[in-house]
């Protein structure tokens, strides 16, 4: 199937829009991912607005916090189940991860944001005494991405987003930094760091033609 002609107005169904930055770590450059984290600040979806942070500190272990650092802190669980079932579980990095299905959900009680998008940004979400913190540093210049379903992470949606690459950063659970390093990974025909800010990200189900 050939690519669809680019048009100024996409009449497909908007599934959700918001910020979706992430950090993926490896303890061995040639090995599998050993820690995965994403944050969500959703402004529009079938389940309304919502905020969340997902951390899989043991991605392939079918265990949840506190036995394993696999957890989600959110103020909108129905929205997160929608995002996990329809999107996150289909992303290549998260696909088939036992920790995603086993992770514990905790209610969001506090959000802290420090720094800026110019150099270094830290986002912390807390559920009472439990905390998750993501740090992005050495941020690069923003660039725009627009992909059709054939190239998108789900294989089903048009995706539009503003990305900023981070050359340093980390994931912390209850103040303990998870082991692993940021690495270079393939990114739509080029290479990009596995730590990134994805801002104003919008996913659209295209109209059938």
Foldseek 3Di string as FASTA:
>chain_A
DDDDDDDPDFPFAWAWWWKKFWFWFDLDQPDATQKIKIWTFTCDHPQHTKTKMFIFNGQQDLAEPPVGPGAMEMQGVVVVVVCCVQPVCQQPNNPPGNSPVRYYYAYWDDWDWDDDLPFKIKIWTDRVQKIKMKIFGRKDDKDKDWDALCPDRNSFWTKIWIKIAGQDIFIDISNRTRDGGWDWDDDPNRITISGMITGRMIIGGGDDD
